[in-house]
Amino acid sequence: MEEKIRTRATIIGRVQGVFFRAETKKAASRYGVTGWVRNNNDGTVEALFEGDKENVNQVLNWCRKGPPLSHVEKVIELHEDYAGEFRSFDIRY
């Protein structure tokens, strides 16, 4: 059985106005990862991912590159206790 994890990520760089949230949702859905993504007032994007460790890591790898118009400088990861509280992956506004 695959280990379940929860990771909060803050993505820094040119990540707003480049479809980062919509593409993150697509990536999360592709890997069966639940949680949410949102823009922060400081220009960063924040996301919370829950799911199988391998799948969450795949989405985090995607976040390090981002969609074509983005320029990701760095991704700060904070590992939290898995809660299993989400049924889907949503864009928060």
PDB file of N, CA and C in Angstrom:
ATOM      1  N   MET A   1       0.841  -1.199   0.000  1.00  0.00           N
ATOM      2  CA  MET A   1       0.000   0.000   0.000  1.00  0.00           C
ATOM      3  C   MET A   1       0.876   1.249   0.000  1.00  0.00           C
ATOM      4  N   GLU A   2       0.554   2.174  -0.870  1.00  0.00           N
ATOM      5  CA  GLU A   2       1.330   3.405  -1.031  1.00  0.00           C
ATOM      6  C   GLU A   2       1.140   4.315   0.185  1.00  0.00           C
ATOM      7  N   GLU A   3       2.240   4.937   0.609  1.00  0.00           N
ATOM      8  CA  GLU A   3       2.201   5.892   1.712  1.00  0.00           C
ATOM      9  C   GLU A   3       1.462   7.159   1.279  1.00  0.00           C
ATOM     10  N   LYS A   4       0.555   7.642   2.125  1.00  0.00           N
ATOM     11  CA  LYS A   4      -0.189   8.878   1.849  1.00  0.00           C
ATOM     12  C   LYS A   4       0.540  10.048   2.514  1.00  0.00           C
ATOM     13  N   ILE A   5       0.648  11.150   1.773  1.00  0.00           N
ATOM     14  CA  ILE A   5       1.314  12.332   2.330  1.00  0.00           C
ATOM     15  C   ILE A   5       0.502  13.589   2.047  1.00  0.00           C
ATOM     16  N   ARG A   6       0.872  14.653   2.754  1.00  0.00           N
ATOM     17  CA  ARG A   6       0.263  15.981   2.585  1.00  0.00           C
ATOM     18  C   ARG A   6       1.412  16.986   2.536  1.00  0.00           C
ATOM     19  N   THR A   7       1.440  17.778   1.480  1.00  0.00           N
ATOM     20  CA  THR A   7       2.492  18.775   1.319  1.00  0.00           C
ATOM     21  C   THR A   7       1.883  20.107   0.921  1.00  0.00           C
ATOM     22  N   ARG A   8       2.282  21.148   1.641  1.00  0.00           N
ATOM     23  CA  ARG A   8       1.899  22.528   1.302  1.00  0.00           C
ATOM     24  C   ARG A   8       3.076  23.117   0.531  1.00  0.00           C
ATOM     25  N   ALA A   9       2.784  23.707  -0.620  1.00  0.00           N
ATOM     26  CA  ALA A   9       3.848  24.262  -1.460  1.00  0.00           C
ATOM     27  C   ALA A   9       3.586  25.736  -1.726  1.00  0.00           C
ATOM     28  N   THR A  10       4.642  26.531  -1.643  1.00  0.00           N
ATOM     29  CA  THR A  10       4.586  27.924  -2.054  1.00  0.00           C
ATOM     30  C   THR A  10       5.496  28.049  -3.267  1.00  0.00           C
ATOM     31  N   ILE A  11       4.925  28.485  -4.379  1.00  0.00           N
ATOM     32  CA  ILE A  11       5.662  28.572  -5.629  1.00  0.00           C
ATOM     33  C   ILE A  11       5.983  30.035  -5.887  1.00  0.00           C
ATOM     34  N   ILE A  12       7.270  30.317  -6.072  1.00  0.00           N
ATOM     35  CA  ILE A  12       7.773  31.686  -6.197  1.00  0.00           C
ATOM     36  C   ILE A  12       8.308  31.899  -7.613  1.00  0.00           C
ATOM     37  N   GLY A  13       8.019  33.062  -8.177  1.00  0.00           N
ATOM     38  CA  GLY A  13       8.503  33.412  -9.511  1.00  0.00           C
ATOM     39  C   GLY A  13       7.403  34.107 -10.283  1.00  0.00           C
ATOM     40  N   ARG A  14       7.462  34.016 -11.622  1.00  0.00           N
ATOM     41  CA  ARG A  14       6.385  34.560 -12.445  1.00  0.00           C
ATOM     42  C   ARG A  14       5.336  33.459 -12.543  1.00  0.00           C
ATOM     43  N   VAL A  15       4.410  33.461 -11.581  1.00  0.00           N
ATOM     44  CA  VAL A  15       3.467  32.345 -11.446  1.00  0.00           C
ATOM     45  C   VAL A  15       2.006  32.800 -11.393  1.00  0.00           C
ATOM     46  N   GLN A  16       1.762  34.098 -11.508  1.00  0.00           N
ATOM     47  CA  GLN A  16       0.383  34.580 -11.578  1.00  0.00           C
ATOM     48  C   GLN A  16       0.145  35.181 -12.953  1.00  0.00           C
ATOM     49  N   GLY A  17      -1.069  34.973 -13.477  1.00  0.00           N
ATOM     50  CA  GLY A  17      -1.398  35.478 -14.802  1.00  0.00           C
ATOM     51  C   GLY A  17      -0.839  34.616 -15.922  1.00  0.00           C
ATOM     52  N   VAL A  18      -0.436  33.381 -15.594  1.00  0.00           N
ATOM     53  CA  VAL A  18       0.152  32.476 -16.591  1.00  0.00           C
ATOM     54  C   VAL A  18      -0.537  31.108 -16.571  1.00  0.00           C
ATOM     55  N   PHE A  19      -1.767  31.068 -16.067  1.00  0.00           N
ATOM     56  CA  PHE A  19      -2.572  29.843 -15.989  1.00  0.00           C
ATOM     57  C   PHE A  19      -1.986  28.802 -15.035  1.00  0.00           C
ATOM     58  N   PHE A  20      -1.218  29.266 -14.036  1.00  0.00           N
ATOM     59  CA  PHE A  20      -0.580  28.331 -13.113  1.00  0.00           C
ATOM     60  C   PHE A  20      -1.604  27.516 -12.333  1.00  0.00           C
ATOM     61  N   ARG A  21      -2.652  28.194 -11.822  1.00  0.00           N
ATOM     62  CA  ARG A  21      -3.642  27.466 -11.022  1.00  0.00           C
ATOM     63  C   ARG A  21      -4.393  26.435 -11.855  1.00  0.00           C
ATOM     64  N   ALA A  22      -4.849  26.825 -13.031  1.00  0.00           N
ATOM     65  CA  ALA A  22      -5.607  25.896 -13.885  1.00  0.00           C
ATOM     66  C   ALA A  22      -4.748  24.698 -14.290  1.00  0.00           C
ATOM     67  N   GLU A  23      -3.490  24.950 -14.618  1.00  0.00           N
ATOM     68  CA  GLU A  23      -2.602  23.857 -15.032  1.00  0.00           C
ATOM     69  C   GLU A  23      -2.209  22.979 -13.845  1.00  0.00           C
ATOM     70  N   THR A  24      -2.109  23.568 -12.656  1.00  0.00           N
ATOM     71  CA  THR A  24      -1.836  22.767 -11.451  1.00  0.00           C
ATOM     72  C   THR A  24      -3.008  21.834 -11.188  1.00  0.00           C
ATOM     73  N   LYS A  25      -4.223  22.351 -11.366  1.00  0.00           N
ATOM     74  CA  LYS A  25      -5.412  21.507 -11.180  1.00  0.00           C
ATOM     75  C   LYS A  25      -5.393  20.339 -12.164  1.00  0.00           C
ATOM     76  N   LYS A  26      -5.028  20.594 -13.412  1.00  0.00           N
ATOM     77  CA  LYS A  26      -4.943  19.518 -14.409  1.00  0.00           C
ATOM     78  C   LYS A  26      -3.902  18.482 -13.996  1.00  0.00           C
ATOM     79  N   ALA A  27      -2.738  18.948 -13.540  1.00  0.00           N
ATOM     80  CA  ALA A  27      -1.673  18.028 -13.128  1.00  0.00           C
ATOM     81  C   ALA A  27      -2.113  17.189 -11.927  1.00  0.00           C
ATOM     82  N   ALA A  28      -2.754  17.829 -10.955  1.00  0.00           N
ATOM     83  CA  ALA A  28      -3.221  17.109  -9.764  1.00  0.00           C
ATOM     84  C   ALA A  28      -4.258  16.062 -10.147  1.00  0.00           C
ATOM     85  N   SER A  29      -5.177  16.439 -11.033  1.00  0.00           N
ATOM     86  CA  SER A  29      -6.212  15.501 -11.474  1.00  0.00           C
ATOM     87  C   SER A  29      -5.603  14.322 -12.218  1.00  0.00           C
ATOM     88  N   ARG A  30      -4.602  14.600 -13.041  1.00  0.00           N
ATOM     89  CA  ARG A  30      -3.918  13.545 -13.804  1.00  0.00           C
ATOM     90  C   ARG A  30      -3.311  12.495 -12.869  1.00  0.00           C
ATOM     91  N   TYR A  31      -2.805  12.936 -11.729  1.00  0.00           N
ATOM     92  CA  TYR A  31      -2.141  12.024 -10.785  1.00  0.00           C
ATOM     93  C   TYR A  31      -3.029  11.596  -9.625  1.00  0.00           C
ATOM     94  N   GLY A  32      -4.304  11.997  -9.624  1.00  0.00           N
ATOM     95  CA  GLY A  32      -5.209  11.583  -8.563  1.00  0.00           C
ATOM     96  C   GLY A  32      -4.905  12.214  -7.215  1.00  0.00           C
ATOM     97  N   VAL A  33      -4.371  13.428  -7.248  1.00  0.00           N
ATOM     98  CA  VAL A  33      -4.010  14.151  -6.023  1.00  0.00           C
ATOM     99  C   VAL A  33      -5.141  15.120  -5.686  1.00  0.00           C
ATOM    100  N   THR A  34      -5.486  15.233  -4.402  1.00  0.00           N
ATOM    101  CA  THR A  34      -6.540  16.139  -3.956  1.00  0.00           C
ATOM    102  C   THR A  34      -5.929  17.339  -3.232  1.00  0.00           C
ATOM    103  N   GLY A  35      -6.771  18.372  -3.008  1.00  0.00           N
ATOM    104  CA  GLY A  35      -6.321  19.566  -2.291  1.00  0.00           C
ATOM    105  C   GLY A  35      -6.809  20.812  -2.973  1.00  0.00           C
ATOM    106  N   TRP A  36      -5.968  21.846  -2.998  1.00  0.00           N
ATOM    107  CA  TRP A  36      -6.349  23.133  -3.579  1.00  0.00           C
ATOM    108  C   TRP A  36      -5.135  23.941  -4.002  1.00  0.00           C
ATOM    109  N   VAL A  37      -5.389  24.974  -4.802  1.00  0.00           N
ATOM    110  CA  VAL A  37      -4.354  25.921  -5.224  1.00  0.00           C
ATOM    111  C   VAL A  37      -4.967  27.313  -5.237  1.00  0.00           C
ATOM    112  N   ARG A  38      -4.178  28.331  -4.894  1.00  0.00           N
ATOM    113  CA  ARG A  38      -4.671  29.715  -4.899  1.00  0.00           C
ATOM    114  C   ARG A  38      -3.511  30.689  -5.118  1.00  0.00           C
ATOM    115  N   ASN A  39      -3.866  31.890  -5.585  1.00  0.00           N
ATOM    116  CA  ASN A  39      -2.905  32.988  -5.664  1.00  0.00           C
ATOM    117  C   ASN A  39      -2.828  33.654  -4.303  1.00  0.00           C
ATOM    118  N   ASN A  40      -1.626  34.085  -3.931  1.00  0.00           N
ATOM    119  CA  ASN A  40      -1.444  34.882  -2.719  1.00  0.00           C
ATOM    120  C   ASN A  40      -1.223  36.340  -3.106  1.00  0.00           C
ATOM    121  N   ASN A  41      -1.517  37.244  -2.191  1.00  0.00           N
ATOM    122  CA  ASN A  41      -1.366  38.679  -2.451  1.00  0.00           C
ATOM    123  C   ASN A  41       0.076  39.088  -2.733  1.00  0.00           C
ATOM    124  N   ASP A  42       1.045  38.302  -2.292  1.00  0.00           N
ATOM    125  CA  ASP A  42       2.456  38.653  -2.493  1.00  0.00           C
ATOM    126  C   ASP A  42       3.004  38.190  -3.845  1.00  0.00           C
ATOM    127  N   GLY A  43       2.117  37.673  -4.728  1.00  0.00           N
ATOM    128  CA  GLY A  43       2.553  37.262  -6.053  1.00  0.00           C
ATOM    129  C   GLY A  43       2.941  35.797  -6.161  1.00  0.00           C
ATOM    130  N   THR A  44       2.903  35.083  -5.051  1.00  0.00           N
ATOM    131  CA  THR A  44       3.204  33.654  -5.072  1.00  0.00           C
ATOM    132  C   THR A  44       1.926  32.858  -5.302  1.00  0.00           C
ATOM    133  N   VAL A  45       2.096  31.575  -5.569  1.00  0.00           N
ATOM    134  CA  VAL A  45       0.980  30.633  -5.636  1.00  0.00           C
ATOM    135  C   VAL A  45       1.185  29.636  -4.510  1.00  0.00           C
ATOM    136  N   GLU A  46       0.104  29.326  -3.797  1.00  0.00           N
ATOM    137  CA  GLU A  46       0.152  28.360  -2.705  1.00  0.00           C
ATOM    138  C   GLU A  46      -0.747  27.182  -3.059  1.00  0.00           C
ATOM    139  N   ALA A  47      -0.287  25.991  -2.730  1.00  0.00           N
ATOM    140  CA  ALA A  47      -1.081  24.801  -3.001  1.00  0.00           C
ATOM    141  C   ALA A  47      -0.938  23.813  -1.851  1.00  0.00           C
ATOM    142  N   LEU A  48      -1.986  23.032  -1.655  1.00  0.00           N
ATOM    143  CA  LEU A  48      -1.965  21.967  -0.657  1.00  0.00           C
ATOM    144  C   LEU A  48      -2.321  20.677  -1.387  1.00  0.00           C
ATOM    145  N   PHE A  49      -1.414  19.715  -1.339  1.00  0.00           N
ATOM    146  CA  PHE A  49      -1.585  18.452  -2.054  1.00  0.00           C
ATOM    147  C   PHE A  49      -1.696  17.297  -1.071  1.00  0.00           C
ATOM    148  N   GLU A  50      -2.644  16.400  -1.319  1.00  0.00           N
ATOM    149  CA  GLU A  50      -2.753  15.169  -0.548  1.00  0.00           C
ATOM    150  C   GLU A  50      -2.907  13.994  -1.505  1.00  0.00           C
ATOM    151  N   GLY A  51      -2.266  12.889  -1.154  1.00  0.00           N
ATOM    152  CA  GLY A  51      -2.407  11.685  -1.962  1.00  0.00           C
ATOM    153  C   GLY A  51      -1.252  10.737  -1.752  1.00  0.00           C
ATOM    154  N   ASP A  52      -1.146   9.754  -2.662  1.00  0.00           N
ATOM    155  CA  ASP A  52      -0.038   8.812  -2.604  1.00  0.00           C
ATOM    156  C   ASP A  52       1.267   9.584  -2.776  1.00  0.00           C
ATOM    157  N   LYS A  53       2.275   9.196  -1.996  1.00  0.00           N
ATOM    158  CA  LYS A  53       3.554   9.913  -1.990  1.00  0.00           C
ATOM    159  C   LYS A  53       4.115  10.100  -3.399  1.00  0.00           C
ATOM    160  N   GLU A  54       4.133   9.047  -4.185  1.00  0.00           N
ATOM    161  CA  GLU A  54       4.697   9.126  -5.536  1.00  0.00           C
ATOM    162  C   GLU A  54       3.928  10.128  -6.397  1.00  0.00           C
ATOM    163  N   ASN A  55       2.605  10.124  -6.288  1.00  0.00           N
ATOM    164  CA  ASN A  55       1.779  11.024  -7.094  1.00  0.00           C
ATOM    165  C   ASN A  55       1.931  12.478  -6.662  1.00  0.00           C
ATOM    166  N   VAL A  56       1.969  12.727  -5.344  1.00  0.00           N
ATOM    167  CA  VAL A  56       2.191  14.092  -4.849  1.00  0.00           C
ATOM    168  C   VAL A  56       3.548  14.592  -5.340  1.00  0.00           C
ATOM    169  N   ASN A  57       4.562  13.730  -5.297  1.00  0.00           N
ATOM    170  CA  ASN A  57       5.892  14.134  -5.760  1.00  0.00           C
ATOM    171  C   ASN A  57       5.909  14.432  -7.254  1.00  0.00           C
ATOM    172  N   GLN A  58       5.095  13.715  -8.038  1.00  0.00           N
ATOM    173  CA  GLN A  58       4.984  14.008  -9.473  1.00  0.00           C
ATOM    174  C   GLN A  58       4.406  15.408  -9.690  1.00  0.00           C
ATOM    175  N   VAL A  59       3.370  15.756  -8.918  1.00  0.00           N
ATOM    176  CA  VAL A  59       2.765  17.086  -9.058  1.00  0.00           C
ATOM    177  C   VAL A  59       3.750  18.165  -8.599  1.00  0.00           C
ATOM    178  N   LEU A  60       4.490  17.907  -7.529  1.00  0.00           N
ATOM    179  CA  LEU A  60       5.500  18.868  -7.072  1.00  0.00           C
ATOM    180  C   LEU A  60       6.579  19.061  -8.134  1.00  0.00           C
ATOM    181  N   ASN A  61       6.987  17.977  -8.790  1.00  0.00           N
ATOM    182  CA  ASN A  61       7.960  18.093  -9.889  1.00  0.00           C
ATOM    183  C   ASN A  61       7.399  18.966 -11.001  1.00  0.00           C
ATOM    184  N   TRP A  62       6.100  18.782 -11.315  1.00  0.00           N
ATOM    185  CA  TRP A  62       5.467  19.621 -12.329  1.00  0.00           C
ATOM    186  C   TRP A  62       5.499  21.087 -11.900  1.00  0.00           C
ATOM    187  N   CYS A  63       5.225  21.353 -10.624  1.00  0.00           N
ATOM    188  CA  CYS A  63       5.212  22.731 -10.111  1.00  0.00           C
ATOM    189  C   CYS A  63       6.574  23.403 -10.245  1.00  0.00           C
ATOM    190  N   ARG A  64       7.639  22.634 -10.197  1.00  0.00           N
ATOM    191  CA  ARG A  64       8.986  23.205 -10.324  1.00  0.00           C
ATOM    192  C   ARG A  64       9.222  23.751 -11.730  1.00  0.00           C
ATOM    193  N   LYS A  65       8.476  23.250 -12.717  1.00  0.00           N
ATOM    194  CA  LYS A  65       8.576  23.746 -14.092  1.00  0.00           C
ATOM    195  C   LYS A  65       7.439  24.721 -14.399  1.00  0.00           C
ATOM    196  N   GLY A  66       6.206  24.310 -14.065  1.00  0.00           N
ATOM    197  CA  GLY A  66       5.043  25.149 -14.307  1.00  0.00           C
ATOM    198  C   GLY A  66       4.640  25.163 -15.771  1.00  0.00           C
ATOM    199  N   PRO A  67       3.578  25.919 -16.085  1.00  0.00           N
ATOM    200  CA  PRO A  67       3.126  26.020 -17.471  1.00  0.00           C
ATOM    201  C   PRO A  67       4.100  26.861 -18.305  1.00  0.00           C
ATOM    202  N   PRO A  68       3.967  26.815 -19.631  1.00  0.00           N
ATOM    203  CA  PRO A  68       4.939  27.458 -20.525  1.00  0.00           C
ATOM    204  C   PRO A  68       5.239  28.932 -20.250  1.00  0.00           C
ATOM    205  N   LEU A  69       4.248  29.747 -19.894  1.00  0.00           N
ATOM    206  CA  LEU A  69       4.490  31.185 -19.705  1.00  0.00           C
ATOM    207  C   LEU A  69       5.057  31.534 -18.329  1.00  0.00           C
ATOM    208  N   SER A  70       5.123  30.555 -17.438  1.00  0.00           N
ATOM    209  CA  SER A  70       5.617  30.828 -16.083  1.00  0.00           C
ATOM    210  C   SER A  70       7.138  30.767 -16.033  1.00  0.00           C
ATOM    211  N   HIS A  71       7.688  31.294 -14.943  1.00  0.00           N
ATOM    212  CA  HIS A  71       9.118  31.153 -14.645  1.00  0.00           C
ATOM    213  C   HIS A  71       9.211  30.889 -13.139  1.00  0.00           C
ATOM    214  N   VAL A  72       9.380  29.621 -12.777  1.00  0.00           N
ATOM    215  CA  VAL A  72       9.433  29.230 -11.367  1.00  0.00           C
ATOM    216  C   VAL A  72      10.850  29.422 -10.854  1.00  0.00           C
ATOM    217  N   GLU A  73      10.984  30.256  -9.825  1.00  0.00           N
ATOM    218  CA  GLU A  73      12.288  30.468  -9.199  1.00  0.00           C
ATOM    219  C   GLU A  73      12.552  29.419  -8.135  1.00  0.00           C
ATOM    220  N   LYS A  74      11.531  29.145  -7.318  1.00  0.00           N
ATOM    221  CA  LYS A  74      11.689  28.087  -6.316  1.00  0.00           C
ATOM    222  C   LYS A  74      10.353  27.649  -5.770  1.00  0.00           C
ATOM    223  N   VAL A  75      10.347  26.438  -5.222  1.00  0.00           N
ATOM    224  CA  VAL A  75       9.168  25.863  -4.582  1.00  0.00           C
ATOM    225  C   VAL A  75       9.559  25.537  -3.144  1.00  0.00           C
ATOM    226  N   ILE A  76       8.852  26.130  -2.206  1.00  0.00           N
ATOM    227  CA  ILE A  76       9.082  25.848  -0.779  1.00  0.00           C
ATOM    228  C   ILE A  76       8.054  24.808  -0.355  1.00  0.00           C
ATOM    229  N   GLU A  77       8.535  23.682   0.150  1.00  0.00           N
ATOM    230  CA  GLU A  77       7.648  22.595   0.562  1.00  0.00           C
ATOM    231  C   GLU A  77       7.596  22.492   2.078  1.00  0.00           C
ATOM    232  N   LEU A  78       6.393  22.341   2.593  1.00  0.00           N
ATOM    233  CA  LEU A  78       6.182  22.118   4.024  1.00  0.00           C
ATOM    234  C   LEU A  78       5.360  20.846   4.153  1.00  0.00           C
ATOM    235  N   HIS A  79       5.945  19.843   4.768  1.00  0.00           N
ATOM    236  CA  HIS A  79       5.257  18.564   4.916  1.00  0.00           C
ATOM    237  C   HIS A  79       4.412  18.586   6.183  1.00  0.00           C
ATOM    238  N   GLU A  80       3.148  18.194   6.038  1.00  0.00           N
ATOM    239  CA  GLU A  80       2.187  18.190   7.136  1.00  0.00           C
ATOM    240  C   GLU A  80       1.669  16.774   7.325  1.00  0.00           C
ATOM    241  N   ASP A  81       0.925  16.554   8.397  1.00  0.00           N
ATOM    242  CA  ASP A  81       0.319  15.248   8.627  1.00  0.00           C
ATOM    243  C   ASP A  81      -0.831  15.030   7.654  1.00  0.00           C
ATOM    244  N   TYR A  82      -0.853  13.870   7.027  1.00  0.00           N
ATOM    245  CA  TYR A  82      -1.923  13.531   6.091  1.00  0.00           C
ATOM    246  C   TYR A  82      -3.256  13.536   6.833  1.00  0.00           C
ATOM    247  N   ALA A  83      -4.271  14.177   6.233  1.00  0.00           N
ATOM    248  CA  ALA A  83      -5.581  14.272   6.878  1.00  0.00           C
ATOM    249  C   ALA A  83      -6.688  13.613   6.052  1.00  0.00           C
ATOM    250  N   GLY A  84      -6.490  13.479   4.747  1.00  0.00           N
ATOM    251  CA  GLY A  84      -7.516  12.888   3.889  1.00  0.00           C
ATOM    252  C   GLY A  84      -8.801  13.686   3.862  1.00  0.00           C
ATOM    253  N   GLU A  85      -8.685  15.014   3.937  1.00  0.00           N
ATOM    254  CA  GLU A  85      -9.892  15.840   4.077  1.00  0.00           C
ATOM    255  C   GLU A  85     -10.505  16.289   2.752  1.00  0.00           C
ATOM    256  N   PHE A  86      -9.869  16.026   1.619  1.00  0.00           N
ATOM    257  CA  PHE A  86     -10.375  16.522   0.336  1.00  0.00           C
ATOM    258  C   PHE A  86     -10.876  15.381  -0.534  1.00  0.00           C
ATOM    259  N   ARG A  87     -11.921  15.677  -1.309  1.00  0.00           N
ATOM    260  CA  ARG A  87     -12.458  14.698  -2.265  1.00  0.00           C
ATOM    261  C   ARG A  87     -12.001  15.012  -3.684  1.00  0.00           C
ATOM    262  N   SER A  88     -11.556  16.255  -3.909  1.00  0.00           N
ATOM    263  CA  SER A  88     -11.173  16.685  -5.251  1.00  0.00           C
ATOM    264  C   SER A  88     -10.029  17.694  -5.130  1.00  0.00           C
ATOM    265  N   PHE A  89      -9.633  18.264  -6.263  1.00  0.00           N
ATOM    266  CA  PHE A  89      -8.635  19.321  -6.269  1.00  0.00           C
ATOM    267  C   PHE A  89      -9.294  20.575  -6.808  1.00  0.00           C
ATOM    268  N   ASP A  90      -9.253  21.656  -6.053  1.00  0.00           N
ATOM    269  CA  ASP A  90      -9.995  22.871  -6.383  1.00  0.00           C
ATOM    270  C   ASP A  90      -9.086  24.082  -6.508  1.00  0.00           C
ATOM    271  N   ILE A  91      -9.540  25.038  -7.310  1.00  0.00           N
ATOM    272  CA  ILE A  91      -8.910  26.357  -7.363  1.00  0.00           C
ATOM    273  C   ILE A  91      -9.664  27.224  -6.368  1.00  0.00           C
ATOM    274  N   ARG A  92      -8.915  27.831  -5.461  1.00  0.00           N
ATOM    275  CA  ARG A  92      -9.534  28.728  -4.476  1.00  0.00           C
ATOM    276  C   ARG A  92      -9.301  30.166  -4.906  1.00  0.00           C
ATOM    277  N   TYR A  93     -10.312  31.005  -4.637  1.00  0.00           N
ATOM    278  CA  TYR A  93     -10.219  32.424  -5.024  1.00  0.00           C
ATOM    279  C   TYR A  93     -10.297  33.301  -3.801  1.00  0.00           C
TER     280      TYR A  93
END
